[in-house]
C-alpha atoms as a PDB file:
ATOM      1  CA  UNK A   1       7.069  -8.724   3.923  1.00  0.00           C
ATOM      2  CA  UNK A   2       5.469 -12.256   4.009  1.00  0.00           C
ATOM      3  CA  UNK A   3       2.559 -10.624   2.255  1.00  0.00           C
ATOM      4  CA  UNK A   4       2.549  -8.735  -1.079  1.00  0.00           C
ATOM      5  CA  UNK A   5      -0.892  -7.059  -0.881  1.00  0.00           C
ATOM      6  CA  UNK A   6      -0.621  -4.907  -4.052  1.00  0.00           C
ATOM      7  CA  UNK A   7      -1.051  -6.705  -7.331  1.00  0.00           C
ATOM      8  CA  UNK A   8      -0.610  -3.377  -9.431  1.00  0.00           C
ATOM      9  CA  UNK A   9      -0.213   0.408  -8.925  1.00  0.00           C
ATOM     10  CA  UNK A  10      -2.782   2.119 -11.239  1.00  0.00           C
ATOM     11  CA  UNK A  11      -1.674   5.801 -10.526  1.00  0.00           C
ATOM     12  CA  UNK A  12       0.982   7.558  -9.034  1.00  0.00           C
ATOM     13  CA  UNK A  13       1.116  11.490  -8.815  1.00  0.00           C
ATOM     14  CA  UNK A  14       4.073  11.866  -6.326  1.00  0.00           C
ATOM     15  CA  UNK A  15       3.248  14.703  -3.609  1.00  0.00           C
ATOM     16  CA  UNK A  16      -0.469  13.571  -3.953  1.00  0.00           C
ATOM     17  CA  UNK A  17      -2.092  10.136  -4.504  1.00  0.00           C
ATOM     18  CA  UNK A  18      -1.671   6.585  -5.587  1.00  0.00           C
ATOM     19  CA  UNK A  19      -4.075   4.172  -6.670  1.00  0.00           C
ATOM     20  CA  UNK A  20      -3.786   0.191  -6.706  1.00  0.00           C
ATOM     21  CA  UNK A  21      -5.273  -2.960  -7.019  1.00  0.00           C
ATOM     22  CA  UNK A  22      -5.399  -5.995  -4.936  1.00  0.00           C
ATOM     23  CA  UNK A  23      -7.530  -9.129  -6.166  1.00  0.00           C
ATOM     24  CA  UNK A  24      -8.539 -11.571  -3.526  1.00  0.00           C
ATOM     25  CA  UNK A  25      -8.380 -15.211  -4.561  1.00  0.00           C
ATOM     26  CA  UNK A  26     -10.064 -18.347  -2.964  1.00  0.00           C
ATOM     27  CA  UNK A  27      -6.478 -19.875  -3.337  1.00  0.00           C
ATOM     28  CA  UNK A  28      -5.221 -17.121  -1.080  1.00  0.00           C
ATOM     29  CA  UNK A  29      -3.925 -19.059   1.894  1.00  0.00           C
ATOM     30  CA  UNK A  30      -5.075 -16.922   4.705  1.00  0.00           C
ATOM     31  CA  UNK A  31      -8.835 -17.489   3.265  1.00  0.00           C
ATOM     32  CA  UNK A  32      -8.590 -21.218   4.602  1.00  0.00           C
ATOM     33  CA  UNK A  33      -8.642 -20.442   8.105  1.00  0.00           C
ATOM     34  CA  UNK A  34     -10.133 -17.009   8.011  1.00  0.00           C
ATOM     35  CA  UNK A  35     -12.996 -18.688   8.059  1.00  0.00           C
ATOM     36  CA  UNK A  36     -13.134 -21.916   6.051  1.00  0.00           C
ATOM     37  CA  UNK A  37     -17.189 -21.895   5.439  1.00  0.00           C
ATOM     38  CA  UNK A  38     -16.846 -18.169   5.238  1.00  0.00           C
ATOM     39  CA  UNK A  39     -13.713 -16.864   3.829  1.00  0.00           C
ATOM     40  CA  UNK A  40     -12.828 -13.241   4.382  1.00  0.00           C
ATOM     41  CA  UNK A  41      -9.758 -10.889   4.042  1.00  0.00           C
ATOM     42  CA  UNK A  42      -8.700  -9.972   7.553  1.00  0.00           C
ATOM     43  CA  UNK A  43      -9.269  -6.552   8.332  1.00  0.00           C
ATOM     44  CA  UNK A  44      -5.510  -6.363   9.168  1.00  0.00           C
ATOM     45  CA  UNK A  45      -4.781  -7.090   5.614  1.00  0.00           C
ATOM     46  CA  UNK A  46      -6.805  -4.749   4.233  1.00  0.00           C
ATOM     47  CA  UNK A  47      -5.149  -2.198   6.255  1.00  0.00           C
ATOM     48  CA  UNK A  48      -1.860  -3.812   5.092  1.00  0.00           C
ATOM     49  CA  UNK A  49      -2.390  -3.176   1.714  1.00  0.00           C
ATOM     50  CA  UNK A  50      -3.045   0.293   2.279  1.00  0.00           C
ATOM     51  CA  UNK A  51      -0.028   0.368   4.325  1.00  0.00           C
ATOM     52  CA  UNK A  52       2.018  -1.161   1.751  1.00  0.00           C
ATOM     53  CA  UNK A  53       0.673   1.469  -0.909  1.00  0.00           C
ATOM     54  CA  UNK A  54       0.792   4.465   1.277  1.00  0.00           C
ATOM     55  CA  UNK A  55       4.283   3.776   2.222  1.00  0.00           C
ATOM     56  CA  UNK A  56       5.160   3.615  -1.628  1.00  0.00           C
ATOM     57  CA  UNK A  57       3.661   6.811  -2.248  1.00  0.00           C
ATOM     58  CA  UNK A  58       5.557   8.648   0.914  1.00  0.00           C
ATOM     59  CA  UNK A  59       8.774   7.137  -0.853  1.00  0.00           C
ATOM     60  CA  UNK A  60       8.289   8.216  -4.356  1.00  0.00           C
ATOM     61  CA  UNK A  61       7.155  11.738  -2.680  1.00  0.00           C
ATOM     62  CA  UNK A  62      10.141  12.367  -0.874  1.00  0.00           C
ATOM     63  CA  UNK A  63      13.330  10.596  -2.174  1.00  0.00           C
ATOM     64  CA  UNK A  64      15.232  12.252  -4.940  1.00  0.00           C
ATOM     65  CA  UNK A  65      18.085  11.827  -6.851  1.00  0.00           C
ATOM     66  CA  UNK A  66      21.295  12.168  -5.218  1.00  0.00           C
ATOM     67  CA  UNK A  67      19.822  12.252  -1.839  1.00  0.00           C
ATOM     68  CA  UNK A  68      19.732   9.817   0.788  1.00  0.00           C
ATOM     69  CA  UNK A  69      17.567   7.205   0.181  1.00  0.00           C
ATOM     70  CA  UNK A  70      14.462   6.829   2.683  1.00  0.00           C
ATOM     71  CA  UNK A  71      12.102   4.275   3.291  1.00  0.00           C
ATOM     72  CA  UNK A  72       8.527   4.446   4.844  1.00  0.00           C
ATOM     73  CA  UNK A  73       7.904   2.399   8.189  1.00  0.00           C
ATOM     74  CA  UNK A  74       4.259   2.088   9.454  1.00  0.00           C
ATOM     75  CA  UNK A  75       4.201   3.614  13.002  1.00  0.00           C
ATOM     76  CA  UNK A  76       0.470   4.854  13.417  1.00  0.00           C
ATOM     77  CA  UNK A  77      -2.729   3.591  12.180  1.00  0.00           C
ATOM     78  CA  UNK A  78      -5.624   6.305  13.397  1.00  0.00           C
ATOM     79  CA  UNK A  79      -9.409   6.596  12.635  1.00  0.00           C
ATOM     80  CA  UNK A  80      -9.685   2.847  11.211  1.00  0.00           C
ATOM     81  CA  UNK A  81     -13.200   1.792  10.178  1.00  0.00           C
ATOM     82  CA  UNK A  82     -14.388  -1.179   8.392  1.00  0.00           C
ATOM     83  CA  UNK A  83     -17.545  -1.257   6.737  1.00  0.00           C
ATOM     84  CA  UNK A  84     -17.917  -4.425   4.898  1.00  0.00           C
ATOM     85  CA  UNK A  85     -15.657  -7.495   4.375  1.00  0.00           C
ATOM     86  CA  UNK A  86     -13.896  -8.449   1.173  1.00  0.00           C
ATOM     87  CA  UNK A  87     -13.919 -12.159   0.039  1.00  0.00           C
ATOM     88  CA  UNK A  88     -12.891 -14.317  -3.083  1.00  0.00           C
ATOM     89  CA  UNK A  89     -13.462 -12.292  -6.385  1.00  0.00           C
ATOM     90  CA  UNK A  90     -13.319  -9.024  -4.877  1.00  0.00           C
ATOM     91  CA  UNK A  91     -10.969  -6.487  -6.461  1.00  0.00           C
ATOM     92  CA  UNK A  92      -9.844  -3.960  -3.870  1.00  0.00           C
ATOM     93  CA  UNK A  93      -9.268  -0.532  -5.301  1.00  0.00           C
ATOM     94  CA  UNK A  94      -6.659   1.057  -2.716  1.00  0.00           C
ATOM     95  CA  UNK A  95      -6.699   4.831  -2.579  1.00  0.00           C
ATOM     96  CA  UNK A  96      -3.671   6.959  -0.783  1.00  0.00           C
ATOM     97  CA  UNK A  97      -3.651  10.788  -0.457  1.00  0.00           C
ATOM     98  CA  UNK A  98      -0.694  12.154   1.014  1.00  0.00           C
ATOM     99  CA  UNK A  99      -2.130  14.682   3.957  1.00  0.00           C
ATOM    100  CA  UNK A 100       1.126  15.892   4.987  1.00  0.00           C
ATOM    101  CA  UNK A 101       5.070  15.191   4.644  1.00  0.00           C
ATOM    102  CA  UNK A 102       7.360  16.829   7.313  1.00  0.00           C
ATOM    103  CA  UNK A 103      11.190  16.118   7.772  1.00  0.00           C
ATOM    104  CA  UNK A 104      10.972  12.556   8.398  1.00  0.00           C
ATOM    105  CA  UNK A 105       7.573  11.687   8.370  1.00  0.00           C
ATOM    106  CA  UNK A 106       4.421  11.683   6.135  1.00  0.00           C
ATOM    107  CA  UNK A 107       0.764  10.742   6.829  1.00  0.00           C
ATOM    108  CA  UNK A 108      -1.728   9.475   4.238  1.00  0.00           C
ATOM    109  CA  UNK A 109      -5.563   8.923   4.062  1.00  0.00           C
ATOM    110  CA  UNK A 110      -6.285   5.720   2.941  1.00  0.00           C
ATOM    111  CA  UNK A 111      -9.617   4.289   1.402  1.00  0.00           C
ATOM    112  CA  UNK A 112     -10.228   1.032   0.214  1.00  0.00           C
ATOM    113  CA  UNK A 113     -13.354   0.082  -2.190  1.00  0.00           C
ATOM    114  CA  UNK A 114     -14.635  -2.557  -3.925  1.00  0.00           C
ATOM    115  CA  UNK A 115     -16.905  -1.281  -6.944  1.00  0.00           C
ATOM    116  CA  UNK A 116     -18.773   1.465  -5.302  1.00  0.00           C
ATOM    117  CA  UNK A 117     -18.720  -0.057  -1.833  1.00  0.00           C
ATOM    118  CA  UNK A 118     -16.543   1.632   0.498  1.00  0.00           C
ATOM    119  CA  UNK A 119     -15.174  -1.099   2.698  1.00  0.00           C
ATOM    120  CA  UNK A 120     -12.602   0.454   4.713  1.00  0.00           C
ATOM    121  CA  UNK A 121     -10.473   3.890   5.748  1.00  0.00           C
ATOM    122  CA  UNK A 122      -7.660   5.065   8.016  1.00  0.00           C
ATOM    123  CA  UNK A 123      -5.193   7.639   8.290  1.00  0.00           C
ATOM    124  CA  UNK A 124      -1.447   6.509   8.217  1.00  0.00           C
ATOM    125  CA  UNK A 125       1.650   7.650   9.612  1.00  0.00           C
ATOM    126  CA  UNK A 126       4.882   6.566   8.548  1.00  0.00           C
ATOM    127  CA  UNK A 127       8.225   7.641   9.406  1.00  0.00           C
ATOM    128  CA  UNK A 128      10.745   8.001   6.576  1.00  0.00           C
ATOM    129  CA  UNK A 129      14.472   6.553   7.864  1.00  0.00           C
ATOM    130  CA  UNK A 130      17.566   5.778   5.940  1.00  0.00           C
ATOM    131  CA  UNK A 131      18.007   1.780   5.946  1.00  0.00           C
ATOM    132  CA  UNK A 132      21.729   0.451   5.664  1.00  0.00           C
ATOM    133  CA  UNK A 133      20.869  -2.306   3.713  1.00  0.00           C
ATOM    134  CA  UNK A 134      21.337  -2.953   0.243  1.00  0.00           C
ATOM    135  CA  UNK A 135      19.105  -6.311   0.310  1.00  0.00           C
ATOM    136  CA  UNK A 136      15.801  -4.030   1.591  1.00  0.00           C
ATOM    137  CA  UNK A 137      16.634  -1.458  -1.101  1.00  0.00           C
ATOM    138  CA  UNK A 138      16.659  -4.154  -3.753  1.00  0.00           C
ATOM    139  CA  UNK A 139      13.811  -5.984  -2.767  1.00  0.00           C
ATOM    140  CA  UNK A 140      11.743  -2.715  -2.699  1.00  0.00           C
ATOM    141  CA  UNK A 141      13.173  -1.746  -6.245  1.00  0.00           C
ATOM    142  CA  UNK A 142      12.026  -5.275  -7.376  1.00  0.00           C
ATOM    143  CA  UNK A 143       8.438  -5.054  -5.727  1.00  0.00           C
ATOM    144  CA  UNK A 144       8.034  -1.324  -7.136  1.00  0.00           C
ATOM    145  CA  UNK A 145       9.017  -2.225 -10.671  1.00  0.00           C
ATOM    146  CA  UNK A 146       6.394  -5.253 -10.508  1.00  0.00           C
ATOM    147  CA  UNK A 147       3.676  -2.957  -9.172  1.00  0.00           C
ATOM    148  CA  UNK A 148       4.227  -0.221 -11.814  1.00  0.00           C
ATOM    149  CA  UNK A 149       5.204  -2.117 -14.803  1.00  0.00           C
ATOM    150  CA  UNK A 150       1.778  -0.883 -16.595  1.00  0.00           C
ATOM    151  CA  UNK A 151       2.009   2.796 -15.831  1.00  0.00           C
ATOM    152  CA  UNK A 152       2.412   5.046 -18.589  1.00  0.00           C
ATOM    153  CA  UNK A 153       4.751   6.742 -18.603  1.00  0.00           C
ATOM    154  CA  UNK A 154       6.994   4.573 -16.920  1.00  0.00           C
ATOM    155  CA  UNK A 155       8.488   6.242 -13.691  1.00  0.00           C
ATOM    156  CA  UNK A 156      12.234   5.863 -12.164  1.00  0.00           C
ATOM    157  CA  UNK A 157      12.278   3.502  -9.097  1.00  0.00           C
ATOM    158  CA  UNK A 158      14.749   5.228  -6.681  1.00  0.00           C
END
């Protein structure tokens, strides 16, 4: 991943939902081009934040100790709707809710808010695959530990 679009996971209920925060900063490089006189976070990156949190929820919901480790890969975005832009200083509150989890796939409903304002929503579908790369697994573990370091009680990252 080039963009890490969740700063912190604030809630995790495996099999149900996850919440996370992304704070948009004027120093975010993408805002220098999108747009110089009216900087806003591109809608694709708003959805990417939701997809990163949705993939995390899917992985934390399906992976069990002793079973092969599965990783979530986004394969479909449905019913995406953008209501308002997000810009510097905005704190995006991302909520993903697990709608369904079948063998090898998961679907989540995603909503992104800034305070009381809903700025985006979408339905995201993931496939869950075994990936034979310790580097990928270690990268995800490191990222997930950073995201969840303030959760109480602490969680176990597969």
